[in-house]
C-alpha atoms as a PDB file:
ATOM      1  CA  MET A   1      22.437  23.912 -24.639  1.00  0.00           C
ATOM      2  CA  LEU A   2      22.055  20.147 -24.567  1.00  0.00           C
ATOM      3  CA  PRO A   3      21.830  18.672 -28.071  1.00  0.00           C
ATOM      4  CA  ASP A   4      18.356  17.466 -29.100  1.00  0.00           C
ATOM      5  CA  TRP A   5      19.584  13.907 -29.678  1.00  0.00           C
ATOM      6  CA  LEU A   6      20.285  13.580 -25.932  1.00  0.00           C
ATOM      7  CA  LEU A   7      16.736  14.512 -24.938  1.00  0.00           C
ATOM      8  CA  ARG A   8      15.234  11.027 -25.420  1.00  0.00           C
ATOM      9  CA  HIS A   9      12.624  11.112 -22.654  1.00  0.00           C
ATOM     10  CA  GLU A  10       9.488  13.115 -21.881  1.00  0.00           C
ATOM     11  CA  ALA A  11       8.589  14.472 -18.452  1.00  0.00           C
ATOM     12  CA  THR A  12       5.313  15.992 -17.340  1.00  0.00           C
ATOM     13  CA  ILE A  13       5.943  18.841 -14.892  1.00  0.00           C
ATOM     14  CA  GLU A  14       3.326  20.209 -12.504  1.00  0.00           C
ATOM     15  CA  PRO A  15       5.102  23.285 -11.056  1.00  0.00           C
ATOM     16  CA  PHE A  16       4.717  23.788  -7.300  1.00  0.00           C
ATOM     17  CA  GLN A  17       2.655  26.899  -6.482  1.00  0.00           C
ATOM     18  CA  GLY A  18       2.306  26.669  -2.717  1.00  0.00           C
ATOM     19  CA  GLU A  19       0.080  25.121  -0.093  1.00  0.00           C
ATOM     20  CA  GLY A  20      -3.567  25.810   0.599  1.00  0.00           C
ATOM     21  CA  ALA A  21      -6.221  24.660   3.043  1.00  0.00           C
ATOM     22  CA  TYR A  22      -6.552  21.357   1.174  1.00  0.00           C
ATOM     23  CA  GLY A  23      -2.870  20.589   0.574  1.00  0.00           C
ATOM     24  CA  VAL A  24      -0.291  21.279  -2.122  1.00  0.00           C
ATOM     25  CA  ILE A  25      -1.259  23.486  -5.091  1.00  0.00           C
ATOM     26  CA  TYR A  26       0.308  22.807  -8.494  1.00  0.00           C
ATOM     27  CA  ASP A  27       0.170  24.847 -11.716  1.00  0.00           C
ATOM     28  CA  ASP A  28      -1.047  23.347 -15.003  1.00  0.00           C
ATOM     29  CA  ALA A  29       1.007  20.413 -16.260  1.00  0.00           C
ATOM     30  CA  VAL A  30       3.475  20.896 -19.120  1.00  0.00           C
ATOM     31  CA  THR A  31       5.411  18.239 -21.029  1.00  0.00           C
ATOM     32  CA  GLU A  32       9.108  18.763 -21.794  1.00  0.00           C
ATOM     33  CA  GLN A  33      11.786  16.722 -23.572  1.00  0.00           C
ATOM     34  CA  CYS A  34      14.567  15.648 -21.216  1.00  0.00           C
ATOM     35  CA  LEU A  35      17.361  13.223 -20.392  1.00  0.00           C
ATOM     36  CA  VAL A  36      16.769  10.986 -17.347  1.00  0.00           C
ATOM     37  CA  ASP A  37      19.532   9.531 -15.169  1.00  0.00           C
ATOM     38  CA  ASP A  38      18.232   6.952 -12.670  1.00  0.00           C
ATOM     39  CA  GLU A  39      21.022   6.900 -10.114  1.00  0.00           C
ATOM     40  CA  ARG A  40      20.683   6.989  -6.355  1.00  0.00           C
ATOM     41  CA  ARG A  41      22.890   9.654  -4.792  1.00  0.00           C
ATOM     42  CA  LEU A  42      23.098  11.868  -1.744  1.00  0.00           C
ATOM     43  CA  VAL A  43      22.177  15.524  -2.403  1.00  0.00           C
ATOM     44  CA  ARG A  44      21.344  18.628  -0.370  1.00  0.00           C
ATOM     45  CA  ASP A  45      17.916  20.225  -0.485  1.00  0.00           C
ATOM     46  CA  ALA A  46      17.212  23.976  -0.440  1.00  0.00           C
ATOM     47  CA  GLN A  47      17.557  24.028   3.368  1.00  0.00           C
ATOM     48  CA  GLY A  48      20.953  22.317   3.207  1.00  0.00           C
ATOM     49  CA  LEU A  49      19.766  18.981   4.591  1.00  0.00           C
ATOM     50  CA  GLU A  50      21.134  15.776   3.093  1.00  0.00           C
ATOM     51  CA  THR A  51      18.562  13.623   1.307  1.00  0.00           C
ATOM     52  CA  VAL A  52      18.600  10.775  -1.208  1.00  0.00           C
ATOM     53  CA  SER A  53      17.808  11.422  -4.861  1.00  0.00           C
ATOM     54  CA  ASP A  54      16.809   8.492  -7.071  1.00  0.00           C
ATOM     55  CA  THR A  55      16.499  10.400 -10.347  1.00  0.00           C
ATOM     56  CA  THR A  56      18.222  13.363 -12.004  1.00  0.00           C
ATOM     57  CA  ILE A  57      16.510  14.988 -14.981  1.00  0.00           C
ATOM     58  CA  PHE A  58      18.211  17.303 -17.472  1.00  0.00           C
ATOM     59  CA  PHE A  59      16.064  19.835 -19.389  1.00  0.00           C
ATOM     60  CA  ARG A  60      16.691  22.571 -21.932  1.00  0.00           C
ATOM     61  CA  PRO A  61      17.562  25.990 -20.463  1.00  0.00           C
ATOM     62  CA  GLY A  62      14.566  27.983 -19.282  1.00  0.00           C
ATOM     63  CA  VAL A  63      12.398  25.066 -18.135  1.00  0.00           C
ATOM     64  CA  HIS A  64      10.532  26.041 -14.936  1.00  0.00           C
ATOM     65  CA  CYS A  65      10.603  23.201 -12.385  1.00  0.00           C
ATOM     66  CA  PRO A  66      10.845  24.620  -8.837  1.00  0.00           C
ATOM     67  CA  GLU A  67      11.456  22.669  -5.644  1.00  0.00           C
ATOM     68  CA  GLY A  68       8.327  20.772  -4.593  1.00  0.00           C
ATOM     69  CA  SER A  69       7.036  20.311  -8.149  1.00  0.00           C
ATOM     70  CA  ARG A  70       5.502  16.996  -9.153  1.00  0.00           C
ATOM     71  CA  VAL A  71       7.176  15.320 -12.143  1.00  0.00           C
ATOM     72  CA  THR A  72       6.031  12.219 -14.012  1.00  0.00           C
ATOM     73  CA  VAL A  73       8.803  10.484 -15.960  1.00  0.00           C
ATOM     74  CA  ASN A  74       9.150   6.897 -17.211  1.00  0.00           C
ATOM     75  CA  GLY A  75       5.781   6.068 -15.627  1.00  0.00           C
ATOM     76  CA  ARG A  76       6.864   7.224 -12.152  1.00  0.00           C
ATOM     77  CA  VAL A  77       5.602  10.207 -10.193  1.00  0.00           C
ATOM     78  CA  THR A  78       8.291  11.955  -8.167  1.00  0.00           C
ATOM     79  CA  THR A  79       8.871  15.208  -6.280  1.00  0.00           C
ATOM     80  CA  VAL A  80      11.593  17.764  -7.013  1.00  0.00           C
ATOM     81  CA  ILE A  81      14.207  18.136  -4.267  1.00  0.00           C
ATOM     82  CA  ALA A  82      16.156  20.930  -5.977  1.00  0.00           C
ATOM     83  CA  SER A  83      16.530  22.552  -9.385  1.00  0.00           C
ATOM     84  CA  TYR A  84      19.700  24.161 -10.756  1.00  0.00           C
ATOM     85  CA  ALA A  85      20.208  26.350 -13.822  1.00  0.00           C
ATOM     86  CA  ARG A  86      23.561  25.305 -15.312  1.00  0.00           C
ATOM     87  CA  ASP A  87      24.600  28.277 -17.441  1.00  0.00           C
ATOM     88  CA  GLY A  88      28.125  28.893 -18.720  1.00  0.00           C
ATOM     89  CA  GLY A  89      27.507  32.638 -19.109  1.00  0.00           C
ATOM     90  CA  GLY A  90      28.186  32.643 -22.835  1.00  0.00           C
ATOM     91  CA  LEU A  91      30.973  30.059 -22.773  1.00  0.00           C
ATOM     92  CA  PRO A  92      30.532  27.098 -25.146  1.00  0.00           C
ATOM     93  CA  THR A  93      29.115  24.789 -22.463  1.00  0.00           C
ATOM     94  CA  PRO A  94      26.056  22.503 -22.527  1.00  0.00           C
ATOM     95  CA  ASP A  95      23.701  24.898 -20.698  1.00  0.00           C
ATOM     96  CA  HIS A  96      20.729  23.130 -19.121  1.00  0.00           C
ATOM     97  CA  VAL A  97      18.451  22.842 -16.086  1.00  0.00           C
ATOM     98  CA  GLU A  98      19.322  19.999 -13.703  1.00  0.00           C
ATOM     99  CA  VAL A  99      16.494  18.705 -11.506  1.00  0.00           C
ATOM    100  CA  VAL A 100      17.096  16.199  -8.696  1.00  0.00           C
ATOM    101  CA  CYS A 101      14.073  14.182  -7.533  1.00  0.00           C
ATOM    102  CA  ARG A 102      13.100  11.818  -4.720  1.00  0.00           C
END
């Protein structure tokens, strides 16, 4: 697990639920402590297409932030490209959830 002293930011997550007749549907917003890395990099989305990510957010294990979710961090609203659970399977690693955003 990431140490608490690294989680210096707060992010508001509105988990993606699907799409309806009037557009995208999000679940209720939750606020989580996180670490934000503002770095532009090339990543692959869930379909395998290359896209540019401007922000990577690191959360504690178990945080639910699926692809398509809306995240507000550092005053910016962004959309999740992909989310990865980084789990060492019991090894002494810094387990966390990595979220890459547009």
